[in-house]
PDB file of N, CA and C in Angstrom:
ATOM      1  N   ALA A   1      25.284 -12.061 -10.445  1.00  0.00           N
ATOM      2  CA  ALA A   1      25.737 -11.421 -11.667  1.00  0.00           C
ATOM      3  C   ALA A   1      27.251 -11.574 -11.808  1.00  0.00           C
ATOM      4  N   PHE A   2      27.978 -11.540 -10.693  1.00  0.00           N
ATOM      5  CA  PHE A   2      29.430 -11.690 -10.773  1.00  0.00           C
ATOM      6  C   PHE A   2      29.805 -13.082 -11.261  1.00  0.00           C
ATOM      7  N   PHE A   3      29.018 -14.083 -10.889  1.00  0.00           N
ATOM      8  CA  PHE A   3      29.319 -15.450 -11.313  1.00  0.00           C
ATOM      9  C   PHE A   3      29.206 -15.592 -12.826  1.00  0.00           C
ATOM     10  N   ASP A   4      28.285 -14.873 -13.419  1.00  0.00           N
ATOM     11  CA  ASP A   4      28.073 -14.971 -14.868  1.00  0.00           C
ATOM     12  C   ASP A   4      29.299 -14.552 -15.668  1.00  0.00           C
ATOM     13  N   ILE A   5      30.103 -13.640 -15.115  1.00  0.00           N
ATOM     14  CA  ILE A   5      31.286 -13.180 -15.856  1.00  0.00           C
ATOM     15  C   ILE A   5      32.571 -13.777 -15.298  1.00  0.00           C
ATOM     16  N   GLY A   6      32.443 -14.682 -14.325  1.00  0.00           N
ATOM     17  CA  GLY A   6      33.614 -15.365 -13.794  1.00  0.00           C
ATOM     18  C   GLY A   6      34.435 -14.518 -12.836  1.00  0.00           C
ATOM     19  N   TYR A   7      33.834 -13.540 -12.169  1.00  0.00           N
ATOM     20  CA  TYR A   7      34.555 -12.681 -11.234  1.00  0.00           C
ATOM     21  C   TYR A   7      34.368 -13.214  -9.820  1.00  0.00           C
ATOM     22  N   THR A   8      35.462 -13.289  -9.070  1.00  0.00           N
ATOM     23  CA  THR A   8      35.389 -13.698  -7.673  1.00  0.00           C
ATOM     24  C   THR A   8      35.878 -12.551  -6.803  1.00  0.00           C
ATOM     25  N   TRP A   9      35.035 -12.129  -5.889  1.00  0.00           N
ATOM     26  CA  TRP A   9      35.374 -11.013  -4.996  1.00  0.00           C
ATOM     27  C   TRP A   9      35.967 -11.620  -3.736  1.00  0.00           C
ATOM     28  N   ILE A  10      37.267 -11.392  -3.496  1.00  0.00           N
ATOM     29  CA  ILE A  10      37.947 -12.075  -2.397  1.00  0.00           C
ATOM     30  C   ILE A  10      38.240 -11.176  -1.208  1.00  0.00           C
ATOM     31  N   ASP A  11      38.082  -9.876  -1.350  1.00  0.00           N
ATOM     32  CA  ASP A  11      38.319  -8.989  -0.211  1.00  0.00           C
ATOM     33  C   ASP A  11      37.176  -7.981  -0.123  1.00  0.00           C
ATOM     34  N   GLU A  12      37.315  -7.027   0.771  1.00  0.00           N
ATOM     35  CA  GLU A  12      36.257  -6.040   1.002  1.00  0.00           C
ATOM     36  C   GLU A  12      36.425  -4.787   0.144  1.00  0.00           C
ATOM     37  N   SER A  13      37.275  -4.849  -0.867  1.00  0.00           N
ATOM     38  CA  SER A  13      37.540  -3.660  -1.679  1.00  0.00           C
ATOM     39  C   SER A  13      36.299  -3.258  -2.478  1.00  0.00           C
ATOM     40  N   PRO A  14      36.112  -1.945  -2.631  1.00  0.00           N
ATOM     41  CA  PRO A  14      34.969  -1.494  -3.433  1.00  0.00           C
ATOM     42  C   PRO A  14      35.176  -1.861  -4.901  1.00  0.00           C
ATOM     43  N   VAL A  15      34.107  -2.212  -5.556  1.00  0.00           N
ATOM     44  CA  VAL A  15      34.179  -2.606  -6.959  1.00  0.00           C
ATOM     45  C   VAL A  15      33.271  -1.684  -7.757  1.00  0.00           C
ATOM     46  N   SER A  16      33.820  -1.118  -8.798  1.00  0.00           N
ATOM     47  CA  SER A  16      33.003  -0.346  -9.724  1.00  0.00           C
ATOM     48  C   SER A  16      32.599  -1.286 -10.843  1.00  0.00           C
ATOM     49  N   ILE A  17      31.323  -1.488 -10.996  1.00  0.00           N
ATOM     50  CA  ILE A  17      30.837  -2.448 -11.986  1.00  0.00           C
ATOM     51  C   ILE A  17      31.306  -2.080 -13.386  1.00  0.00           C
ATOM     52  N   ARG A  18      31.414  -0.797 -13.653  1.00  0.00           N
ATOM     53  CA  ARG A  18      31.843  -0.380 -14.998  1.00  0.00           C
ATOM     54  C   ARG A  18      33.250  -0.850 -15.329  1.00  0.00           C
ATOM     55  N   THR A  19      34.070  -1.106 -14.296  1.00  0.00           N
ATOM     56  CA  THR A  19      35.449  -1.533 -14.547  1.00  0.00           C
ATOM     57  C   THR A  19      35.567  -3.043 -14.760  1.00  0.00           C
ATOM     58  N   LEU A  20      34.499  -3.787 -14.531  1.00  0.00           N
ATOM     59  CA  LEU A  20      34.550  -5.235 -14.726  1.00  0.00           C
ATOM     60  C   LEU A  20      34.377  -5.551 -16.202  1.00  0.00           C
ATOM     61  N   GLN A  21      35.371  -6.193 -16.735  1.00  0.00           N
ATOM     62  CA  GLN A  21      35.352  -6.512 -18.157  1.00  0.00           C
ATOM     63  C   GLN A  21      34.261  -7.543 -18.466  1.00  0.00           C
ATOM     64  N   GLY A  22      33.471  -7.271 -19.481  1.00  0.00           N
ATOM     65  CA  GLY A  22      32.439  -8.208 -19.907  1.00  0.00           C
ATOM     66  C   GLY A  22      31.136  -8.113 -19.141  1.00  0.00           C
ATOM     67  N   PHE A  23      31.043  -7.169 -18.211  1.00  0.00           N
ATOM     68  CA  PHE A  23      29.816  -7.046 -17.431  1.00  0.00           C
ATOM     69  C   PHE A  23      28.832  -6.128 -18.133  1.00  0.00           C
ATOM     70  N   LEU A  24      27.633  -6.606 -18.342  1.00  0.00           N
ATOM     71  CA  LEU A  24      26.546  -5.792 -18.890  1.00  0.00           C
ATOM     72  C   LEU A  24      25.410  -5.808 -17.886  1.00  0.00           C
ATOM     73  N   PHE A  25      24.890  -4.648 -17.583  1.00  0.00           N
ATOM     74  CA  PHE A  25      23.805  -4.553 -16.609  1.00  0.00           C
ATOM     75  C   PHE A  25      22.463  -4.648 -17.317  1.00  0.00           C
ATOM     76  N   ASP A  26      21.651  -5.594 -16.880  1.00  0.00           N
ATOM     77  CA  ASP A  26      20.303  -5.749 -17.421  1.00  0.00           C
ATOM     78  C   ASP A  26      19.317  -5.627 -16.257  1.00  0.00           C
ATOM     79  N   PRO A  27      18.655  -4.476 -16.120  1.00  0.00           N
ATOM     80  CA  PRO A  27      17.757  -4.259 -14.978  1.00  0.00           C
ATOM     81  C   PRO A  27      16.615  -5.272 -14.894  1.00  0.00           C
ATOM     82  N   SER A  28      16.242  -5.873 -15.999  1.00  0.00           N
ATOM     83  CA  SER A  28      15.130  -6.830 -15.964  1.00  0.00           C
ATOM     84  C   SER A  28      15.504  -8.119 -15.235  1.00  0.00           C
ATOM     85  N   THR A  29      16.807  -8.370 -15.043  1.00  0.00           N
ATOM     86  CA  THR A  29      17.232  -9.594 -14.368  1.00  0.00           C
ATOM     87  C   THR A  29      17.519  -9.377 -12.889  1.00  0.00           C
ATOM     88  N   VAL A  30      17.363  -8.165 -12.403  1.00  0.00           N
ATOM     89  CA  VAL A  30      17.668  -7.866 -11.003  1.00  0.00           C
ATOM     90  C   VAL A  30      16.592  -8.465 -10.109  1.00  0.00           C
ATOM     91  N   THR A  31      17.030  -9.205  -9.110  1.00  0.00           N
ATOM     92  CA  THR A  31      16.118  -9.719  -8.091  1.00  0.00           C
ATOM     93  C   THR A  31      16.642  -9.251  -6.748  1.00  0.00           C
ATOM     94  N   SER A  32      15.737  -8.859  -5.895  1.00  0.00           N
ATOM     95  CA  SER A  32      16.151  -8.358  -4.597  1.00  0.00           C
ATOM     96  C   SER A  32      15.102  -8.705  -3.563  1.00  0.00           C
ATOM     97  N   SER A  33      15.551  -9.209  -2.429  1.00  0.00           N
ATOM     98  CA  SER A  33      14.613  -9.486  -1.342  1.00  0.00           C
ATOM     99  C   SER A  33      14.089  -8.178  -0.767  1.00  0.00           C
ATOM    100  N   ILE A  34      14.868  -7.110  -0.901  1.00  0.00           N
ATOM    101  CA  ILE A  34      14.433  -5.800  -0.402  1.00  0.00           C
ATOM    102  C   ILE A  34      13.205  -5.337  -1.177  1.00  0.00           C
ATOM    103  N   THR A  35      13.195  -5.524  -2.478  1.00  0.00           N
ATOM    104  CA  THR A  35      12.045  -5.147  -3.296  1.00  0.00           C
ATOM    105  C   THR A  35      10.818  -5.926  -2.859  1.00  0.00           C
ATOM    106  N   ASP A  36      10.986  -7.215  -2.598  1.00  0.00           N
ATOM    107  CA  ASP A  36       9.868  -8.038  -2.150  1.00  0.00           C
ATOM    108  C   ASP A  36       9.315  -7.535  -0.825  1.00  0.00           C
ATOM    109  N   VAL A  37      10.207  -7.156   0.089  1.00  0.00           N
ATOM    110  CA  VAL A  37       9.784  -6.640   1.387  1.00  0.00           C
ATOM    111  C   VAL A  37       9.007  -5.349   1.190  1.00  0.00           C
ATOM    112  N   ASP A  38       9.515  -4.452   0.335  1.00  0.00           N
ATOM    113  CA  ASP A  38       8.821  -3.194   0.073  1.00  0.00           C
ATOM    114  C   ASP A  38       7.433  -3.451  -0.494  1.00  0.00           C
ATOM    115  N   ASP A  39       7.326  -4.401  -1.412  1.00  0.00           N
ATOM    116  CA  ASP A  39       6.028  -4.731  -2.001  1.00  0.00           C
ATOM    117  C   ASP A  39       5.071  -5.252  -0.940  1.00  0.00           C
ATOM    118  N   ARG A  40       5.567  -6.119  -0.078  1.00  0.00           N
ATOM    119  CA  ARG A  40       4.710  -6.668   0.976  1.00  0.00           C
ATOM    120  C   ARG A  40       4.253  -5.575   1.926  1.00  0.00           C
ATOM    121  N   GLU A  41       5.177  -4.673   2.294  1.00  0.00           N
ATOM    122  CA  GLU A  41       4.814  -3.566   3.177  1.00  0.00           C
ATOM    123  C   GLU A  41       3.774  -2.672   2.516  1.00  0.00           C
ATOM    124  N   GLU A  42       3.962  -2.411   1.230  1.00  0.00           N
ATOM    125  CA  GLU A  42       3.020  -1.578   0.488  1.00  0.00           C
ATOM    126  C   GLU A  42       1.638  -2.224   0.446  1.00  0.00           C
ATOM    127  N   GLN A  43       1.606  -3.528   0.205  1.00  0.00           N
ATOM    128  CA  GLN A  43       0.330  -4.243   0.166  1.00  0.00           C
ATOM    129  C   GLN A  43      -0.345  -4.223   1.531  1.00  0.00           C
ATOM    130  N   GLU A  44       0.439  -4.385   2.591  1.00  0.00           N
ATOM    131  CA  GLU A  44      -0.108  -4.363   3.945  1.00  0.00           C
ATOM    132  C   GLU A  44      -0.673  -2.979   4.262  1.00  0.00           C
ATOM    133  N   GLU A  45       0.055  -1.920   3.887  1.00  0.00           N
ATOM    134  CA  GLU A  45      -0.435  -0.560   4.103  1.00  0.00           C
ATOM    135  C   GLU A  45      -1.736  -0.333   3.349  1.00  0.00           C
ATOM    136  N   CYS A  46      -1.810  -0.838   2.138  1.00  0.00           N
ATOM    137  CA  CYS A  46      -3.020  -0.699   1.320  1.00  0.00           C
ATOM    138  C   CYS A  46      -4.197  -1.400   1.996  1.00  0.00           C
ATOM    139  N   ARG A  47      -3.957  -2.612   2.509  1.00  0.00           N
ATOM    140  CA  ARG A  47      -5.022  -3.341   3.210  1.00  0.00           C
ATOM    141  C   ARG A  47      -5.490  -2.576   4.440  1.00  0.00           C
ATOM    142  N   GLU A  48      -4.528  -2.018   5.197  1.00  0.00           N
ATOM    143  CA  GLU A  48      -4.878  -1.265   6.399  1.00  0.00           C
ATOM    144  C   GLU A  48      -5.701  -0.027   6.055  1.00  0.00           C
ATOM    145  N   LYS A  49      -5.315   0.672   4.984  1.00  0.00           N
ATOM    146  CA  LYS A  49      -6.069   1.856   4.566  1.00  0.00           C
ATOM    147  C   LYS A  49      -7.486   1.490   4.161  1.00  0.00           C
ATOM    148  N   LYS A  50      -7.627   0.396   3.397  1.00  0.00           N
ATOM    149  CA  LYS A  50      -8.960  -0.050   2.990  1.00  0.00           C
ATOM    150  C   LYS A  50      -9.806  -0.395   4.209  1.00  0.00           C
ATOM    151  N   LYS A  51      -9.174  -1.052   5.176  1.00  0.00           N
ATOM    152  CA  LYS A  51      -9.888  -1.429   6.393  1.00  0.00           C
ATOM    153  C   LYS A  51     -10.343  -0.184   7.146  1.00  0.00           C
ATOM    154  N   MET A  52      -9.474   0.829   7.230  1.00  0.00           N
ATOM    155  CA  MET A  52      -9.835   2.074   7.904  1.00  0.00           C
ATOM    156  C   MET A  52     -10.992   2.764   7.195  1.00  0.00           C
ATOM    157  N   VAL A  53     -10.957   2.772   5.864  1.00  0.00           N
ATOM    158  CA  VAL A  53     -12.038   3.393   5.093  1.00  0.00           C
ATOM    159  C   VAL A  53     -13.355   2.676   5.368  1.00  0.00           C
ATOM    160  N   GLU A  54     -13.316   1.349   5.382  1.00  0.00           N
ATOM    161  CA  GLU A  54     -14.530   0.573   5.663  1.00  0.00           C
ATOM    162  C   GLU A  54     -15.048   0.860   7.069  1.00  0.00           C
ATOM    163  N   GLU A  55     -14.137   0.926   8.032  1.00  0.00           N
ATOM    164  CA  GLU A  55     -14.539   1.226   9.409  1.00  0.00           C
ATOM    165  C   GLU A  55     -15.157   2.619   9.499  1.00  0.00           C
ATOM    166  N   ASN A  56     -14.558   3.582   8.797  1.00  0.00           N
ATOM    167  CA  ASN A  56     -15.098   4.946   8.808  1.00  0.00           C
ATOM    168  C   ASN A  56     -16.484   4.989   8.181  1.00  0.00           C
ATOM    169  N   LYS A  57     -16.674   4.261   7.083  1.00  0.00           N
ATOM    170  CA  LYS A  57     -17.995   4.201   6.450  1.00  0.00           C
ATOM    171  C   LYS A  57     -19.013   3.606   7.412  1.00  0.00           C
ATOM    172  N   LYS A  58     -18.617   2.537   8.053  1.00  0.00           N
ATOM    173  CA  LYS A  58     -19.496   1.854   9.000  1.00  0.00           C
ATOM    174  C   LYS A  58     -19.847   2.792  10.149  1.00  0.00           C
ATOM    175  N   HIS A  59     -18.836   3.477  10.659  1.00  0.00           N
ATOM    176  CA  HIS A  59     -19.044   4.390  11.778  1.00  0.00           C
ATOM    177  C   HIS A  59     -19.946   5.555  11.372  1.00  0.00           C
ATOM    178  N   SER A  60     -19.716   6.116  10.195  1.00  0.00           N
ATOM    179  CA  SER A  60     -20.536   7.251   9.763  1.00  0.00           C
ATOM    180  C   SER A  60     -21.981   6.810   9.556  1.00  0.00           C
ATOM    181  N   HIS A  61     -22.188   5.600   9.077  1.00  0.00           N
ATOM    182  CA  HIS A  61     -23.542   5.077   8.897  1.00  0.00           C
ATOM    183  C   HIS A  61     -24.231   4.924  10.251  1.00  0.00           C
ATOM    184  N   LEU A  62     -23.501   4.372  11.232  1.00  0.00           N
ATOM    185  CA  LEU A  62     -24.073   4.204  12.568  1.00  0.00           C
ATOM    186  C   LEU A  62     -24.372   5.546  13.210  1.00  0.00           C
ATOM    187  N   SER A  63     -23.490   6.505  13.019  1.00  0.00           N
ATOM    188  CA  SER A  63     -23.712   7.816  13.622  1.00  0.00           C
ATOM    189  C   SER A  63     -24.903   8.511  12.978  1.00  0.00           C
ATOM    190  N   SER A  64     -25.101   8.341  11.670  1.00  0.00           N
ATOM    191  CA  SER A  64     -26.266   8.944  11.021  1.00  0.00           C
ATOM    192  C   SER A  64     -27.547   8.269  11.507  1.00  0.00           C
ATOM    193  N   MET A  65     -27.475   6.977  11.797  1.00  0.00           N
ATOM    194  CA  MET A  65     -28.647   6.289  12.348  1.00  0.00           C
ATOM    195  C   MET A  65     -28.982   6.837  13.726  1.00  0.00           C
ATOM    196  N   LYS A  66     -27.961   7.127  14.526  1.00  0.00           N
ATOM    197  CA  LYS A  66     -28.188   7.707  15.852  1.00  0.00           C
ATOM    198  C   LYS A  66     -28.869   9.061  15.724  1.00  0.00           C
ATOM    199  N   ASN A  67     -28.345   9.875  14.808  1.00  0.00           N
ATOM    200  CA  ASN A  67     -28.917  11.204  14.611  1.00  0.00           C
ATOM    201  C   ASN A  67     -30.355  11.115  14.124  1.00  0.00           C
ATOM    202  N   ASN A  68     -30.645  10.180  13.266  1.00  0.00           N
ATOM    203  CA  ASN A  68     -32.002  10.009  12.754  1.00  0.00           C
ATOM    204  C   ASN A  68     -32.963   9.572  13.847  1.00  0.00           C
ATOM    205  N   SER A  69     -32.494   8.790  14.783  1.00  0.00           N
ATOM    206  CA  SER A  69     -33.374   8.324  15.852  1.00  0.00           C
ATOM    207  C   SER A  69     -33.757   9.469  16.786  1.00  0.00           C
ATOM    208  N   LYS A  70     -32.968  10.525  16.824  1.00  0.00           N
ATOM    209  CA  LYS A  70     -33.265  11.680  17.670  1.00  0.00           C
ATOM    210  C   LYS A  70     -34.254  12.634  17.006  1.00  0.00           C
ATOM    211  N   LEU A  71     -34.462  12.449  15.716  1.00  0.00           N
ATOM    212  CA  LEU A  71     -35.378  13.329  15.006  1.00  0.00           C
ATOM    213  C   LEU A  71     -36.818  13.027  15.399  1.00  0.00           C
ATOM    214  N   LYS A  72     -37.593  14.073  15.436  1.00  0.00           N
ATOM    215  CA  LYS A  72     -39.002  13.926  15.779  1.00  0.00           C
ATOM    216  C   LYS A  72     -39.770  13.473  14.541  1.00  0.00           C
ATOM    217  N   GLN A  73     -40.628  12.517  14.723  1.00  0.00           N
ATOM    218  CA  GLN A  73     -41.444  12.050  13.605  1.00  0.00           C
ATOM    219  C   GLN A  73     -42.647  12.969  13.461  1.00  0.00           C
ATOM    220  N   LEU A  74     -42.851  13.441  12.252  1.00  0.00           N
ATOM    221  CA  LEU A  74     -43.955  14.350  11.988  1.00  0.00           C
ATOM    222  C   LEU A  74     -45.144  13.576  11.447  1.00  0.00           C
ATOM    223  N   SER A  75     -46.306  14.082  11.745  1.00  0.00           N
ATOM    224  CA  SER A  75     -47.514  13.469  11.184  1.00  0.00           C
ATOM    225  C   SER A  75     -47.919  14.234   9.933  1.00  0.00           C
ATOM    226  N   LEU A  76     -48.796  13.668   9.135  1.00  0.00           N
ATOM    227  CA  LEU A  76     -49.244  14.320   7.907  1.00  0.00           C
ATOM    228  C   LEU A  76     -49.958  15.635   8.186  1.00  0.00           C
ATOM    229  N   ASP A  77     -50.648  15.718   9.308  1.00  0.00           N
ATOM    230  CA  ASP A  77     -51.365  16.950   9.667  1.00  0.00           C
ATOM    231  C   ASP A  77     -50.416  18.136   9.778  1.00  0.00           C
ATOM    232  N   GLN A  78     -49.197  17.886  10.172  1.00  0.00           N
ATOM    233  CA  GLN A  78     -48.233  18.978  10.335  1.00  0.00           C
ATOM    234  C   GLN A  78     -47.748  19.514   8.995  1.00  0.00           C
ATOM    235  N   PHE A  79     -47.909  18.748   7.938  1.00  0.00           N
ATOM    236  CA  PHE A  79     -47.493  19.203   6.619  1.00  0.00           C
ATOM    237  C   PHE A  79     -48.598  19.967   5.885  1.00  0.00           C
ATOM    238  N   ILE A  80     -49.832  19.755   6.293  1.00  0.00           N
ATOM    239  CA  ILE A  80     -50.966  20.384   5.612  1.00  0.00           C
ATOM    240  C   ILE A  80     -51.213  21.751   6.226  1.00  0.00           C
ATOM    241  N   LYS A  81     -51.199  22.761   5.385  1.00  0.00           N
ATOM    242  CA  LYS A  81     -51.451  24.118   5.865  1.00  0.00           C
ATOM    243  C   LYS A  81     -52.937  24.420   5.702  1.00  0.00           C
ATOM    244  N   ASN A  82     -53.508  25.085   6.680  1.00  0.00           N
ATOM    245  CA  ASN A  82     -54.929  25.470   6.617  1.00  0.00           C
ATOM    246  C   ASN A  82     -55.112  26.776   5.923  1.00  0.00           C
TER     247      ASN A  82
END
């Protein structure tokens, strides 16, 4: 952005953008590698959460199958009352 207005920063002095003549800030033109990193981290976290949810579903299904196998199978005679 500094190149667009012909400004060269030659020392470590703090610069207030508002004091630079001819500088207009347009947020739509901002690019940052930090934003890209945040997006990638967010996507990775989302994938991990989805994976955990799938694992939990799988585990709960297996555990319900275990519980069902412990149940006693009833015959029709046990349902009919005399």
